[in-house]
Amino acid sequence: MGGLLRDLRRSAGYRSVEAAAVVPGAPSSRQTIYAYERGGLTPSLAQFLDLVEFYVLEAPHVDGGKPEEDVRAQGVAAVARALTLPAYHVAQAQALMARMQPGSRRKR
């Protein structure tokens, strides 16, 4: 999780967490972003999506960052990857929904 956020921040041209955190509208504090990137905290899915949206769509891309289209593609990939991680239980939720579908047979 931390690596996805760190790579996305750097792709947007922010070499440090501090540089990103001082941008107006940053969804998290410097300390929180550090904790996410270092693995000390796992962001909720909503917090993760807020940071991805910030880096990709809201924060101005600065010199040294990747082209906008590359950052957008990387943002899509980061969200897709996060949804497969056990921390968010998306695969479990999908499996549960499949088992609960009307007309499916219950295993005993």
N, C-alpha and C. Protein backbone atom coordinates (compact mmCIF):
# COMPACT_ATOMS: atom_id res chain seq x y z
N MET A 1 0.83 -1.18 0.00
CA MET A 1 0.00 0.00 0.00
C MET A 1 0.87 1.24 0.00
N GLY A 2 1.84 1.26 0.89
CA GLY A 2 2.72 2.41 0.99
C GLY A 2 3.49 2.68 -0.28
N GLY A 3 3.95 1.60 -0.91
CA GLY A 3 4.70 1.75 -2.15
C GLY A 3 3.86 2.33 -3.27
N LEU A 4 2.58 1.94 -3.33
CA LEU A 4 1.68 2.49 -4.35
C LEU A 4 1.54 4.00 -4.17
N LEU A 5 1.34 4.43 -2.93
CA LEU A 5 1.18 5.86 -2.66
C LEU A 5 2.48 6.63 -2.90
N ARG A 6 3.60 6.06 -2.46
CA ARG A 6 4.89 6.72 -2.65
C ARG A 6 5.21 6.90 -4.13
N ASP A 7 5.00 5.84 -4.91
CA ASP A 7 5.29 5.92 -6.35
C ASP A 7 4.39 6.93 -7.04
N LEU A 8 3.15 6.99 -6.64
CA LEU A 8 2.22 7.93 -7.24
C LEU A 8 2.58 9.37 -6.88
N ARG A 9 2.96 9.60 -5.63
CA ARG A 9 3.40 10.95 -5.21
C ARG A 9 4.60 11.39 -6.03
N ARG A 10 5.56 10.51 -6.18
CA ARG A 10 6.76 10.85 -6.93
C ARG A 10 6.45 11.06 -8.42
N SER A 11 5.54 10.27 -8.94
CA SER A 11 5.16 10.43 -10.35
C SER A 11 4.52 11.79 -10.60
N ALA A 12 3.80 12.30 -9.60
CA ALA A 12 3.19 13.63 -9.73
C ALA A 12 4.22 14.74 -9.56
N GLY A 13 5.46 14.37 -9.23
CA GLY A 13 6.55 15.34 -9.13
C GLY A 13 6.88 15.79 -7.73
N TYR A 14 6.27 15.18 -6.72
CA TYR A 14 6.55 15.57 -5.33
C TYR A 14 7.62 14.65 -4.78
N ARG A 15 8.80 15.22 -4.60
CA ARG A 15 9.93 14.41 -4.14
C ARG A 15 9.81 14.03 -2.68
N SER A 16 9.10 14.86 -1.90
CA SER A 16 8.96 14.57 -0.47
C SER A 16 7.49 14.60 -0.08
N VAL A 17 7.19 13.92 1.02
CA VAL A 17 5.85 13.95 1.57
C VAL A 17 5.51 15.37 2.00
N GLU A 18 6.47 16.06 2.56
CA GLU A 18 6.24 17.42 3.02
C GLU A 18 5.79 18.33 1.88
N ALA A 19 6.41 18.19 0.72
CA ALA A 19 6.05 19.02 -0.43
C ALA A 19 4.61 18.76 -0.85
N ALA A 20 4.17 17.52 -0.78
CA ALA A 20 2.80 17.20 -1.16
C ALA A 20 1.81 17.64 -0.09
N ALA A 21 2.17 17.47 1.17
CA ALA A 21 1.24 17.76 2.27
C ALA A 21 0.93 19.24 2.42
N VAL A 22 1.81 20.12 1.93
CA VAL A 22 1.55 21.56 2.07
C VAL A 22 0.71 22.12 0.92
N VAL A 23 0.42 21.31 -0.07
CA VAL A 23 -0.42 21.76 -1.18
C VAL A 23 -1.84 21.95 -0.64
N PRO A 24 -2.46 23.10 -0.93
CA PRO A 24 -3.84 23.30 -0.47
C PRO A 24 -4.75 22.18 -0.95
N GLY A 25 -5.54 21.67 -0.04
CA GLY A 25 -6.46 20.59 -0.37
C GLY A 25 -5.90 19.20 -0.14
N ALA A 26 -4.66 19.10 0.34
CA ALA A 26 -4.09 17.78 0.62
C ALA A 26 -5.00 17.07 1.63
N PRO A 27 -5.39 15.82 1.34
CA PRO A 27 -6.37 15.15 2.18
C PRO A 27 -5.83 14.57 3.48
N SER A 28 -4.52 14.58 3.65
CA SER A 28 -3.92 14.02 4.87
C SER A 28 -2.75 14.88 5.30
N SER A 29 -2.42 14.78 6.57
CA SER A 29 -1.28 15.51 7.09
C SER A 29 0.02 14.83 6.68
N ARG A 30 1.10 15.55 6.84
CA ARG A 30 2.42 15.01 6.52
C ARG A 30 2.69 13.74 7.31
N GLN A 31 2.41 13.76 8.62
CA GLN A 31 2.67 12.60 9.47
C GLN A 31 1.84 11.39 9.04
N THR A 32 0.61 11.64 8.66
CA THR A 32 -0.26 10.54 8.24
C THR A 32 0.23 9.93 6.94
N ILE A 33 0.60 10.78 5.99
CA ILE A 33 1.10 10.27 4.71
C ILE A 33 2.39 9.49 4.92
N TYR A 34 3.28 9.99 5.76
CA TYR A 34 4.51 9.25 6.10
C TYR A 34 4.15 7.88 6.65
N ALA A 35 3.21 7.84 7.58
CA ALA A 35 2.83 6.57 8.20
C ALA A 35 2.26 5.60 7.16
N TYR A 36 1.46 6.10 6.23
CA TYR A 36 0.92 5.24 5.18
C TYR A 36 2.04 4.71 4.29
N GLU A 37 2.93 5.59 3.87
CA GLU A 37 3.99 5.19 2.95
C GLU A 37 4.98 4.23 3.58
N ARG A 38 5.20 4.36 4.86
CA ARG A 38 6.17 3.48 5.56
C ARG A 38 5.54 2.21 6.08
N GLY A 39 4.22 2.09 5.97
CA GLY A 39 3.55 0.89 6.41
C GLY A 39 3.17 0.88 7.88
N GLY A 40 3.36 2.00 8.57
CA GLY A 40 2.99 2.07 9.98
C GLY A 40 1.49 2.12 10.18
N LEU A 41 0.77 2.64 9.21
CA LEU A 41 -0.69 2.69 9.21
C LEU A 41 -1.19 2.21 7.86
N THR A 42 -2.35 1.57 7.88
CA THR A 42 -3.01 1.21 6.63
C THR A 42 -4.19 2.15 6.46
N PRO A 43 -4.21 2.91 5.38
CA PRO A 43 -5.34 3.82 5.19
C PRO A 43 -6.62 3.03 4.92
N SER A 44 -7.74 3.59 5.33
CA SER A 44 -9.00 2.99 4.91
C SER A 44 -9.07 3.11 3.39
N LEU A 45 -9.97 2.37 2.79
CA LEU A 45 -10.11 2.47 1.34
C LEU A 45 -10.45 3.90 0.94
N ALA A 46 -11.32 4.56 1.71
CA ALA A 46 -11.69 5.95 1.40
C ALA A 46 -10.48 6.87 1.49
N GLN A 47 -9.64 6.69 2.49
CA GLN A 47 -8.44 7.52 2.63
C GLN A 47 -7.47 7.27 1.49
N PHE A 48 -7.31 6.01 1.11
CA PHE A 48 -6.44 5.66 -0.01
C PHE A 48 -6.94 6.33 -1.29
N LEU A 49 -8.25 6.22 -1.54
CA LEU A 49 -8.82 6.82 -2.75
C LEU A 49 -8.69 8.34 -2.74
N ASP A 50 -8.84 8.95 -1.57
CA ASP A 50 -8.66 10.41 -1.47
C ASP A 50 -7.25 10.82 -1.86
N LEU A 51 -6.25 10.08 -1.40
CA LEU A 51 -4.87 10.42 -1.74
C LEU A 51 -4.59 10.20 -3.22
N VAL A 52 -5.07 9.09 -3.76
CA VAL A 52 -4.87 8.83 -5.18
C VAL A 52 -5.52 9.93 -6.01
N GLU A 53 -6.75 10.29 -5.68
CA GLU A 53 -7.44 11.35 -6.41
C GLU A 53 -6.68 12.67 -6.30
N PHE A 54 -6.16 12.95 -5.13
CA PHE A 54 -5.39 14.18 -4.92
C PHE A 54 -4.16 14.20 -5.81
N TYR A 55 -3.36 13.14 -5.79
CA TYR A 55 -2.14 13.11 -6.58
C TYR A 55 -2.42 13.15 -8.09
N VAL A 56 -3.47 12.47 -8.51
CA VAL A 56 -3.74 12.34 -9.94
C VAL A 56 -4.54 13.52 -10.49
N LEU A 57 -5.57 13.95 -9.78
CA LEU A 57 -6.51 14.92 -10.35
C LEU A 57 -6.47 16.31 -9.74
N GLU A 58 -6.05 16.45 -8.49
CA GLU A 58 -6.18 17.73 -7.82
C GLU A 58 -4.87 18.50 -7.65
N ALA A 59 -3.83 17.82 -7.20
CA ALA A 59 -2.57 18.51 -6.95
C ALA A 59 -1.92 18.92 -8.27
N PRO A 60 -1.43 20.13 -8.34
CA PRO A 60 -0.73 20.50 -9.58
C PRO A 60 0.51 19.63 -9.77
N HIS A 61 0.68 19.11 -10.95
CA HIS A 61 1.88 18.31 -11.22
C HIS A 61 3.05 19.26 -11.37
N VAL A 62 4.14 18.94 -10.73
CA VAL A 62 5.30 19.82 -10.70
C VAL A 62 6.40 19.30 -11.61
N ASP A 63 7.35 20.18 -11.88
CA ASP A 63 8.48 19.80 -12.72
C ASP A 63 9.16 18.55 -12.16
N GLY A 64 9.55 17.68 -13.04
CA GLY A 64 10.20 16.44 -12.63
C GLY A 64 9.22 15.29 -12.53
N GLY A 65 7.93 15.58 -12.65
CA GLY A 65 6.92 14.52 -12.61
C GLY A 65 6.73 13.90 -13.97
N LYS A 66 6.03 12.80 -13.99
CA LYS A 66 5.71 12.13 -15.24
C LYS A 66 4.64 12.91 -15.99
N PRO A 67 4.47 12.65 -17.28
CA PRO A 67 3.39 13.27 -18.04
C PRO A 67 2.03 12.92 -17.41
N GLU A 68 1.06 13.82 -17.55
CA GLU A 68 -0.25 13.64 -16.92
C GLU A 68 -0.89 12.31 -17.29
N GLU A 69 -0.82 11.91 -18.54
CA GLU A 69 -1.43 10.64 -18.96
C GLU A 69 -0.80 9.46 -18.23
N ASP A 70 0.51 9.52 -18.01
CA ASP A 70 1.18 8.44 -17.28
C ASP A 70 0.74 8.41 -15.82
N VAL A 71 0.59 9.58 -15.21
CA VAL A 71 0.15 9.64 -13.81
C VAL A 71 -1.28 9.12 -13.69
N ARG A 72 -2.12 9.47 -14.65
CA ARG A 72 -3.50 8.97 -14.63
C ARG A 72 -3.53 7.44 -14.75
N ALA A 73 -2.75 6.89 -15.66
CA ALA A 73 -2.70 5.43 -15.82
C ALA A 73 -2.16 4.77 -14.55
N GLN A 74 -1.17 5.39 -13.94
CA GLN A 74 -0.62 4.84 -12.71
C GLN A 74 -1.66 4.91 -11.58
N GLY A 75 -2.46 5.96 -11.56
CA GLY A 75 -3.53 6.06 -10.56
C GLY A 75 -4.56 4.95 -10.73
N VAL A 76 -4.95 4.68 -11.96
CA VAL A 76 -5.90 3.60 -12.23
C VAL A 76 -5.30 2.27 -11.76
N ALA A 77 -4.04 2.05 -12.08
CA ALA A 77 -3.38 0.81 -11.67
C ALA A 77 -3.30 0.69 -10.15
N ALA A 78 -3.04 1.79 -9.46
CA ALA A 78 -2.95 1.78 -8.00
C ALA A 78 -4.30 1.40 -7.38
N VAL A 79 -5.38 1.96 -7.89
CA VAL A 79 -6.71 1.63 -7.35
C VAL A 79 -7.03 0.17 -7.64
N ALA A 80 -6.76 -0.29 -8.86
CA ALA A 80 -7.03 -1.68 -9.21
C ALA A 80 -6.25 -2.63 -8.30
N ARG A 81 -5.00 -2.31 -8.05
CA ARG A 81 -4.16 -3.15 -7.18
C ARG A 81 -4.68 -3.13 -5.75
N ALA A 82 -5.04 -1.97 -5.24
CA ALA A 82 -5.52 -1.87 -3.86
C ALA A 82 -6.77 -2.72 -3.64
N LEU A 83 -7.63 -2.77 -4.64
CA LEU A 83 -8.86 -3.55 -4.50
C LEU A 83 -8.61 -5.04 -4.41
N THR A 84 -7.42 -5.49 -4.78
CA THR A 84 -7.09 -6.92 -4.68
C THR A 84 -6.38 -7.26 -3.38
N LEU A 85 -6.00 -6.26 -2.61
CA LEU A 85 -5.25 -6.52 -1.38
C LEU A 85 -6.17 -7.01 -0.25
N PRO A 86 -5.70 -7.94 0.56
CA PRO A 86 -6.51 -8.47 1.65
C PRO A 86 -6.99 -7.40 2.64
N ALA A 87 -6.29 -6.31 2.77
CA ALA A 87 -6.66 -5.28 3.74
C ALA A 87 -8.06 -4.73 3.51
N TYR A 88 -8.52 -4.72 2.27
CA TYR A 88 -9.82 -4.13 1.97
C TYR A 88 -10.94 -5.15 1.79
N HIS A 89 -10.63 -6.43 1.80
CA HIS A 89 -11.63 -7.50 1.79
C HIS A 89 -12.58 -7.45 0.60
N VAL A 90 -12.17 -6.84 -0.49
CA VAL A 90 -13.05 -6.74 -1.66
C VAL A 90 -13.29 -8.12 -2.27
N ALA A 91 -12.26 -8.93 -2.38
CA ALA A 91 -12.44 -10.27 -2.95
C ALA A 91 -13.36 -11.11 -2.07
N GLN A 92 -13.23 -10.97 -0.75
CA GLN A 92 -14.11 -11.69 0.16
C GLN A 92 -15.56 -11.23 -0.01
N ALA A 93 -15.76 -9.92 -0.16
CA ALA A 93 -17.10 -9.39 -0.34
C ALA A 93 -17.72 -9.91 -1.63
N GLN A 94 -16.92 -9.97 -2.70
CA GLN A 94 -17.44 -10.48 -3.97
C GLN A 94 -17.78 -11.96 -3.87
N ALA A 95 -16.95 -12.72 -3.18
CA ALA A 95 -17.23 -14.15 -3.00
C ALA A 95 -18.51 -14.35 -2.17
N LEU A 96 -18.69 -13.54 -1.15
CA LEU A 96 -19.90 -13.63 -0.34
C LEU A 96 -21.13 -13.30 -1.17
N MET A 97 -21.05 -12.23 -1.97
CA MET A 97 -22.19 -11.88 -2.82
C MET A 97 -22.52 -13.01 -3.79
N ALA A 98 -21.51 -13.67 -4.33
CA ALA A 98 -21.74 -14.78 -5.26
C ALA A 98 -22.45 -15.93 -4.55
N ARG A 99 -22.04 -16.20 -3.31
CA ARG A 99 -22.68 -17.28 -2.56
C ARG A 99 -24.11 -16.94 -2.17
N MET A 100 -24.42 -15.67 -2.02
CA MET A 100 -25.76 -15.26 -1.58
C MET A 100 -26.75 -15.07 -2.72
N GLN A 101 -26.31 -15.17 -3.95
CA GLN A 101 -27.18 -14.94 -5.10
C GLN A 101 -28.39 -15.87 -5.04
N PRO A 102 -29.57 -15.32 -5.30
CA PRO A 102 -30.76 -16.17 -5.34
C PRO A 102 -30.58 -17.29 -6.34
N GLY A 103 -31.05 -18.45 -5.97
CA GLY A 103 -30.96 -19.60 -6.87
C GLY A 103 -29.67 -20.38 -6.74
N SER A 104 -28.70 -19.87 -5.99
CA SER A 104 -27.47 -20.66 -5.80
C SER A 104 -27.72 -21.67 -4.70
N ARG A 105 -27.11 -22.80 -4.84
CA ARG A 105 -27.31 -23.88 -3.85
C ARG A 105 -26.40 -23.68 -2.66
N ARG A 106 -26.97 -23.88 -1.50
CA ARG A 106 -26.18 -23.78 -0.26
C ARG A 106 -25.45 -25.08 -0.04
N LYS A 107 -24.19 -24.98 0.33
CA LYS A 107 -23.42 -26.16 0.67
C LYS A 107 -23.68 -26.48 2.14
N ARG A 108 -23.84 -27.74 2.43
CA ARG A 108 -24.08 -28.15 3.83
C ARG A 108 -22.97 -29.00 4.32
